[in-house]
């Protein structure tokens, strides 16, 4: 009598996982390559801040623009060349940029370019709390 439910001459059923593993590796490579193309922009604070922290002026090169658009360094007028020289002479002091919200962005970019050149892009952009006057 023959057993119709089980035939001992048939092979066991197996799933080959090699194509599945190949597809997973291709997906990993795709995501690694596409994330390397993501570029970052300039990280900048908005002109107003609700949560500000205080700093001491001796730790930073205080630079910015006054209401007339004149470049200032430690509260005295300067040129872009004088600012660059001060950055080179003070390698341990970070650049702290104070600027009015009406300052043309082109002028701010010139200071950020100096930070990229001499400070590996490290710059602090100081904001003013709502209801607080700058005083700089």
N, C-alpha and C. Protein backbone atom coordinates (compact mmCIF):
# COMPACT_ATOMS: atom_id res chain seq x y z
N UNK A 1 0.83 -1.15 0.00
CA UNK A 1 0.00 0.00 0.00
C UNK A 1 0.90 1.24 0.00
N UNK A 2 0.52 2.12 -0.81
CA UNK A 2 1.33 3.33 -0.99
C UNK A 2 0.78 4.46 -0.13
N UNK A 3 1.68 5.24 0.41
CA UNK A 3 1.31 6.38 1.25
C UNK A 3 1.25 7.62 0.36
N UNK A 4 0.06 8.18 0.16
CA UNK A 4 -0.11 9.32 -0.73
C UNK A 4 0.25 10.65 -0.05
N UNK A 5 0.29 10.69 1.25
CA UNK A 5 0.57 11.94 1.95
C UNK A 5 2.05 12.25 2.05
N UNK A 6 2.86 11.25 2.08
CA UNK A 6 4.29 11.51 2.24
C UNK A 6 5.05 10.60 1.29
N UNK A 7 5.87 11.21 0.48
CA UNK A 7 6.68 10.44 -0.44
C UNK A 7 8.13 10.63 -0.03
N UNK A 8 8.77 9.60 0.38
CA UNK A 8 10.14 9.68 0.90
C UNK A 8 11.17 9.95 -0.19
N UNK A 9 10.80 9.81 -1.43
CA UNK A 9 11.74 10.05 -2.52
C UNK A 9 11.87 11.53 -2.87
N UNK A 10 10.97 12.39 -2.39
CA UNK A 10 11.04 13.83 -2.70
C UNK A 10 12.08 14.52 -1.82
N UNK A 11 12.64 15.62 -2.35
CA UNK A 11 13.63 16.40 -1.60
C UNK A 11 12.92 17.33 -0.62
N UNK A 12 13.65 17.72 0.41
CA UNK A 12 13.12 18.69 1.37
C UNK A 12 13.02 20.07 0.71
N UNK A 13 12.06 20.83 1.15
CA UNK A 13 11.83 22.17 0.61
C UNK A 13 12.76 23.15 1.32
N UNK A 14 13.63 23.88 0.58
CA UNK A 14 14.56 24.86 1.13
C UNK A 14 14.43 26.17 0.35
N UNK A 15 14.61 27.27 1.08
CA UNK A 15 14.60 28.59 0.45
C UNK A 15 16.04 29.06 0.38
N UNK A 16 16.45 29.50 -0.80
CA UNK A 16 17.80 30.02 -0.98
C UNK A 16 17.82 31.49 -0.54
N UNK A 17 18.62 31.82 0.46
CA UNK A 17 18.66 33.18 1.01
C UNK A 17 19.69 34.07 0.33
N UNK A 18 20.47 33.55 -0.57
CA UNK A 18 21.51 34.33 -1.23
C UNK A 18 20.95 35.54 -1.99
N UNK A 19 19.91 35.43 -2.80
CA UNK A 19 19.37 36.62 -3.47
C UNK A 19 18.81 37.65 -2.48
N UNK A 20 18.23 37.18 -1.40
CA UNK A 20 17.71 38.10 -0.39
C UNK A 20 18.85 38.90 0.25
N UNK A 21 19.93 38.24 0.56
CA UNK A 21 21.09 38.92 1.16
C UNK A 21 21.69 39.90 0.16
N UNK A 22 21.74 39.53 -1.12
CA UNK A 22 22.25 40.45 -2.15
C UNK A 22 21.40 41.71 -2.23
N UNK A 23 20.10 41.57 -2.16
CA UNK A 23 19.21 42.73 -2.21
C UNK A 23 19.41 43.61 -0.99
N UNK A 24 19.58 43.03 0.17
CA UNK A 24 19.79 43.82 1.40
C UNK A 24 21.10 44.60 1.29
N UNK A 25 22.16 43.96 0.80
CA UNK A 25 23.43 44.67 0.63
C UNK A 25 23.30 45.81 -0.38
N UNK A 26 22.56 45.61 -1.43
CA UNK A 26 22.35 46.68 -2.41
C UNK A 26 21.59 47.85 -1.79
N UNK A 27 20.60 47.56 -0.96
CA UNK A 27 19.87 48.63 -0.28
C UNK A 27 20.78 49.40 0.67
N UNK A 28 21.62 48.70 1.39
CA UNK A 28 22.56 49.36 2.30
C UNK A 28 23.50 50.27 1.52
N UNK A 29 24.04 49.79 0.43
CA UNK A 29 24.93 50.60 -0.40
C UNK A 29 24.19 51.81 -0.95
N UNK A 30 22.96 51.63 -1.39
CA UNK A 30 22.17 52.75 -1.90
C UNK A 30 21.98 53.83 -0.84
N UNK A 31 21.60 53.45 0.37
CA UNK A 31 21.37 54.44 1.42
C UNK A 31 22.67 55.11 1.88
N UNK A 32 23.75 54.39 1.91
CA UNK A 32 25.03 54.99 2.28
C UNK A 32 25.44 56.03 1.24
N UNK A 33 25.30 55.70 -0.02
CA UNK A 33 25.69 56.64 -1.07
C UNK A 33 24.77 57.85 -1.13
N UNK A 34 23.48 57.66 -0.98
CA UNK A 34 22.57 58.80 -1.07
C UNK A 34 22.70 59.73 0.13
N UNK A 35 23.01 59.23 1.30
CA UNK A 35 23.19 60.13 2.44
C UNK A 35 24.47 60.91 2.35
N UNK A 36 25.45 60.44 1.59
CA UNK A 36 26.69 61.21 1.44
C UNK A 36 26.50 62.42 0.54
N UNK A 37 25.41 62.48 -0.23
CA UNK A 37 25.15 63.62 -1.09
C UNK A 37 24.37 64.73 -0.40
N UNK A 38 23.95 64.51 0.81
CA UNK A 38 23.20 65.53 1.54
C UNK A 38 24.17 66.63 1.96
N UNK A 39 23.84 67.86 1.61
CA UNK A 39 24.69 69.00 1.99
C UNK A 39 24.02 69.78 3.10
N UNK A 40 24.85 70.42 3.91
CA UNK A 40 24.32 71.23 4.99
C UNK A 40 24.48 72.69 4.65
N UNK A 41 23.60 73.50 5.14
CA UNK A 41 23.67 74.93 4.92
C UNK A 41 24.31 75.63 6.10
N UNK A 42 24.25 76.93 6.08
CA UNK A 42 24.79 77.72 7.17
C UNK A 42 23.82 77.68 8.33
N UNK A 43 24.31 77.31 9.48
CA UNK A 43 23.47 77.29 10.66
C UNK A 43 23.54 78.67 11.30
N UNK A 44 22.42 79.33 11.39
CA UNK A 44 22.37 80.68 11.92
C UNK A 44 21.19 80.82 12.86
N UNK A 45 21.38 81.59 13.89
CA UNK A 45 20.30 81.88 14.82
C UNK A 45 19.45 83.00 14.25
N UNK A 46 18.21 83.02 14.63
CA UNK A 46 17.31 84.10 14.22
C UNK A 46 17.60 85.35 15.05
N UNK A 47 17.16 86.52 14.61
CA UNK A 47 17.46 87.75 15.33
C UNK A 47 16.91 87.81 16.75
N UNK A 48 15.90 87.01 17.08
CA UNK A 48 15.33 87.03 18.43
C UNK A 48 15.49 85.66 19.05
N UNK A 49 15.68 85.65 20.36
CA UNK A 49 15.83 84.39 21.07
C UNK A 49 15.12 84.48 22.40
N UNK A 50 14.41 83.45 22.77
CA UNK A 50 13.73 83.43 24.06
C UNK A 50 14.63 82.90 25.16
N UNK A 51 15.59 82.06 24.81
CA UNK A 51 16.46 81.43 25.80
C UNK A 51 17.90 81.77 25.47
N UNK A 52 18.42 82.81 26.08
CA UNK A 52 19.78 83.26 25.81
C UNK A 52 20.67 82.92 26.99
N UNK A 53 21.95 82.73 26.71
CA UNK A 53 22.91 82.52 27.78
C UNK A 53 23.92 83.67 27.73
N UNK A 54 24.40 84.05 28.90
CA UNK A 54 25.33 85.17 28.96
C UNK A 54 26.75 84.67 28.70
N UNK A 55 27.58 85.56 28.18
CA UNK A 55 28.97 85.25 27.87
C UNK A 55 29.85 86.36 28.43
N UNK A 56 31.13 86.09 28.54
CA UNK A 56 32.08 87.13 28.91
C UNK A 56 32.81 87.59 27.66
N UNK A 57 33.01 88.88 27.54
CA UNK A 57 33.61 89.44 26.33
C UNK A 57 35.07 89.04 26.15
N UNK A 58 35.78 88.68 27.22
CA UNK A 58 37.19 88.35 27.09
C UNK A 58 37.43 87.03 26.36
N UNK A 59 36.41 86.19 26.27
CA UNK A 59 36.56 84.90 25.59
C UNK A 59 36.39 85.02 24.07
N UNK A 60 35.87 86.14 23.60
CA UNK A 60 35.49 86.25 22.20
C UNK A 60 36.02 87.52 21.57
N UNK A 61 36.22 87.46 20.26
CA UNK A 61 36.44 88.66 19.47
C UNK A 61 35.06 89.17 19.10
N UNK A 62 34.66 90.26 19.71
CA UNK A 62 33.33 90.82 19.49
C UNK A 62 33.38 91.64 18.21
N UNK A 63 32.61 91.20 17.24
CA UNK A 63 32.55 91.91 15.97
C UNK A 63 31.09 92.06 15.56
N UNK A 64 30.86 92.97 14.68
CA UNK A 64 29.49 93.19 14.22
C UNK A 64 29.41 94.45 13.39
N UNK A 65 28.19 94.85 13.14
CA UNK A 65 27.93 96.03 12.34
C UNK A 65 27.04 96.96 13.13
N UNK A 66 27.36 98.27 13.08
CA UNK A 66 26.52 99.23 13.78
C UNK A 66 25.30 99.56 12.92
N UNK A 67 24.48 100.51 13.40
CA UNK A 67 23.25 100.84 12.67
C UNK A 67 23.50 101.45 11.29
N UNK A 68 24.72 101.97 11.07
CA UNK A 68 25.07 102.53 9.76
C UNK A 68 25.74 101.52 8.84
N UNK A 69 25.91 100.27 9.32
CA UNK A 69 26.55 99.24 8.51
C UNK A 69 28.06 99.23 8.59
N UNK A 70 28.63 99.99 9.53
CA UNK A 70 30.08 100.06 9.70
C UNK A 70 30.56 98.86 10.51
N UNK A 71 31.63 98.19 10.06
CA UNK A 71 32.19 97.04 10.75
C UNK A 71 32.84 97.48 12.05
N UNK A 72 32.56 96.74 13.12
CA UNK A 72 33.09 97.06 14.45
C UNK A 72 33.86 95.86 14.99
N UNK A 73 34.93 96.14 15.73
CA UNK A 73 35.69 95.12 16.43
C UNK A 73 35.91 95.59 17.85
N UNK A 74 35.37 94.86 18.81
CA UNK A 74 35.43 95.23 20.23
C UNK A 74 34.98 96.68 20.43
N UNK A 75 33.86 97.02 19.82
CA UNK A 75 33.17 98.31 19.95
C UNK A 75 33.92 99.50 19.33
N UNK A 76 34.87 99.24 18.44
CA UNK A 76 35.53 100.33 17.73
C UNK A 76 35.54 100.01 16.24
N UNK A 77 35.42 101.04 15.40
CA UNK A 77 35.37 100.80 13.95
C UNK A 77 36.65 100.15 13.44
N UNK A 78 36.51 99.29 12.45
CA UNK A 78 37.68 98.64 11.85
C UNK A 78 37.37 98.28 10.41
N UNK A 79 38.39 97.86 9.70
CA UNK A 79 38.22 97.37 8.33
C UNK A 79 38.23 95.84 8.36
N UNK A 80 37.89 95.24 7.25
CA UNK A 80 37.88 93.78 7.17
C UNK A 80 39.30 93.23 7.33
N UNK A 81 40.30 93.98 6.85
CA UNK A 81 41.69 93.55 6.99
C UNK A 81 42.13 93.60 8.45
N UNK A 82 41.71 94.65 9.18
CA UNK A 82 42.03 94.73 10.60
C UNK A 82 41.36 93.61 11.40
N UNK A 83 40.15 93.26 11.02
CA UNK A 83 39.46 92.15 11.68
C UNK A 83 40.20 90.85 11.41
N UNK A 84 40.62 90.63 10.18
CA UNK A 84 41.36 89.41 9.86
C UNK A 84 42.67 89.34 10.64
N UNK A 85 43.36 90.47 10.77
CA UNK A 85 44.60 90.51 11.54
C UNK A 85 44.34 90.20 13.02
N UNK A 86 43.25 90.72 13.57
CA UNK A 86 42.90 90.43 14.97
C UNK A 86 42.57 88.95 15.16
N UNK A 87 41.93 88.35 14.16
CA UNK A 87 41.63 86.91 14.23
C UNK A 87 42.92 86.10 14.24
N UNK A 88 43.88 86.50 13.42
CA UNK A 88 45.16 85.79 13.37
C UNK A 88 45.96 85.97 14.65
N UNK A 89 45.89 87.17 15.25
CA UNK A 89 46.66 87.45 16.47
C UNK A 89 46.05 86.81 17.72
N UNK A 90 44.78 86.44 17.67
CA UNK A 90 44.10 85.86 18.83
C UNK A 90 43.51 84.50 18.47
N UNK A 91 44.35 83.48 18.33
CA UNK A 91 43.83 82.17 17.91
C UNK A 91 42.97 81.47 18.96
N UNK A 92 43.08 81.90 20.21
CA UNK A 92 42.32 81.25 21.28
C UNK A 92 40.95 81.89 21.52
N UNK A 93 40.68 83.02 20.89
CA UNK A 93 39.39 83.70 21.06
C UNK A 93 38.47 83.40 19.88
N UNK A 94 37.25 82.99 20.19
CA UNK A 94 36.26 82.70 19.16
C UNK A 94 35.67 84.00 18.60
N UNK A 95 35.13 83.93 17.41
CA UNK A 95 34.50 85.09 16.78
C UNK A 95 33.04 85.12 17.22
N UNK A 96 32.62 86.25 17.76
CA UNK A 96 31.24 86.44 18.20
C UNK A 96 30.66 87.59 17.37
N UNK A 97 29.70 87.28 16.55
CA UNK A 97 29.13 88.25 15.61
C UNK A 97 27.82 88.81 16.15
N UNK A 98 27.81 90.13 16.39
CA UNK A 98 26.59 90.85 16.72
C UNK A 98 26.18 91.59 15.46
N UNK A 99 24.94 91.50 15.10
CA UNK A 99 24.50 92.22 13.91
C UNK A 99 23.04 92.61 14.03
N UNK A 100 22.70 93.67 13.38
CA UNK A 100 21.32 94.14 13.34
C UNK A 100 20.55 93.31 12.32
N UNK A 101 19.26 93.14 12.54
CA UNK A 101 18.47 92.34 11.59
C UNK A 101 18.39 93.00 10.22
N UNK A 102 18.69 94.29 10.11
CA UNK A 102 18.63 94.98 8.82
C UNK A 102 19.97 95.00 8.09
N UNK A 103 21.00 94.38 8.67
CA UNK A 103 22.31 94.33 8.04
C UNK A 103 22.23 93.48 6.78
N UNK A 104 22.77 93.98 5.67
CA UNK A 104 22.77 93.16 4.45
C UNK A 104 23.52 91.85 4.68
N UNK A 105 22.95 90.77 4.18
CA UNK A 105 23.51 89.45 4.42
C UNK A 105 24.89 89.29 3.81
N UNK A 106 25.19 90.06 2.77
CA UNK A 106 26.50 90.00 2.13
C UNK A 106 27.61 90.36 3.12
N UNK A 107 27.36 91.33 3.99
CA UNK A 107 28.36 91.71 4.98
C UNK A 107 28.56 90.62 6.03
N UNK A 108 27.48 89.96 6.41
CA UNK A 108 27.57 88.87 7.37
C UNK A 108 28.36 87.71 6.77
N UNK A 109 28.14 87.44 5.49
CA UNK A 109 28.85 86.35 4.81
C UNK A 109 30.35 86.61 4.79
N UNK A 110 30.78 87.86 4.68
CA UNK A 110 32.22 88.17 4.69
C UNK A 110 32.85 87.76 6.02
N UNK A 111 32.13 87.97 7.12
CA UNK A 111 32.65 87.57 8.43
C UNK A 111 32.64 86.04 8.56
N UNK A 112 31.59 85.40 8.07
CA UNK A 112 31.52 83.94 8.11
C UNK A 112 32.64 83.32 7.27
N UNK A 113 32.97 83.94 6.13
CA UNK A 113 34.08 83.46 5.31
C UNK A 113 35.41 83.54 6.07
N UNK A 114 35.60 84.62 6.83
CA UNK A 114 36.81 84.72 7.66
C UNK A 114 36.85 83.60 8.70
N UNK A 115 35.71 83.31 9.29
CA UNK A 115 35.64 82.22 10.28
C UNK A 115 35.95 80.88 9.61
N UNK A 116 35.45 80.67 8.41
CA UNK A 116 35.75 79.43 7.70
C UNK A 116 37.25 79.32 7.41
N UNK A 117 37.85 80.43 7.04
CA UNK A 117 39.27 80.43 6.67
C UNK A 117 40.17 80.23 7.88
N UNK A 118 39.87 80.91 8.99
CA UNK A 118 40.80 80.94 10.11
C UNK A 118 40.33 80.18 11.35
N UNK A 119 39.07 79.79 11.42
CA UNK A 119 38.55 79.11 12.61
C UNK A 119 37.80 77.82 12.27
N UNK A 120 38.03 77.26 11.10
CA UNK A 120 37.34 76.04 10.65
C UNK A 120 35.83 76.20 10.68
N UNK A 121 35.36 77.40 10.42
CA UNK A 121 33.91 77.65 10.36
C UNK A 121 33.25 77.92 11.69
N UNK A 122 34.02 77.94 12.78
CA UNK A 122 33.43 78.19 14.10
C UNK A 122 33.16 79.69 14.27
N UNK A 123 31.91 80.01 14.48
CA UNK A 123 31.50 81.40 14.72
C UNK A 123 30.25 81.37 15.58
N UNK A 124 30.11 82.39 16.40
CA UNK A 124 28.92 82.52 17.24
C UNK A 124 28.16 83.74 16.74
N UNK A 125 26.88 83.56 16.50
CA UNK A 125 26.03 84.69 16.10
C UNK A 125 25.13 85.00 17.29
N UNK A 126 25.33 86.17 17.87
CA UNK A 126 24.61 86.54 19.08
C UNK A 126 23.29 87.20 18.72
N UNK A 127 22.26 86.82 19.44
CA UNK A 127 20.92 87.37 19.23
C UNK A 127 20.50 88.17 20.43
N UNK A 128 19.37 88.83 20.30
CA UNK A 128 18.82 89.65 21.37
C UNK A 128 17.49 89.06 21.81
N UNK A 129 17.28 88.99 23.11
CA UNK A 129 15.99 88.52 23.64
C UNK A 129 14.88 89.49 23.24
N UNK A 130 13.66 88.99 23.18
CA UNK A 130 12.51 89.86 22.94
C UNK A 130 12.42 90.87 24.08
N UNK A 131 12.23 92.14 23.73
CA UNK A 131 12.09 93.16 24.74
C UNK A 131 13.39 93.64 25.33
N UNK A 132 14.53 93.14 24.87
CA UNK A 132 15.82 93.54 25.39
C UNK A 132 16.55 94.33 24.33
N UNK A 133 17.24 95.39 24.71
CA UNK A 133 18.02 96.17 23.78
C UNK A 133 19.43 95.63 23.73
N UNK A 134 20.06 95.72 22.57
CA UNK A 134 21.38 95.15 22.36
C UNK A 134 22.43 95.84 23.19
N UNK A 135 22.51 97.16 23.14
CA UNK A 135 23.51 97.89 23.88
C UNK A 135 24.91 97.77 23.30
N UNK A 136 25.06 97.21 22.17
CA UNK A 136 26.38 97.05 21.54
C UNK A 136 26.51 98.03 20.40
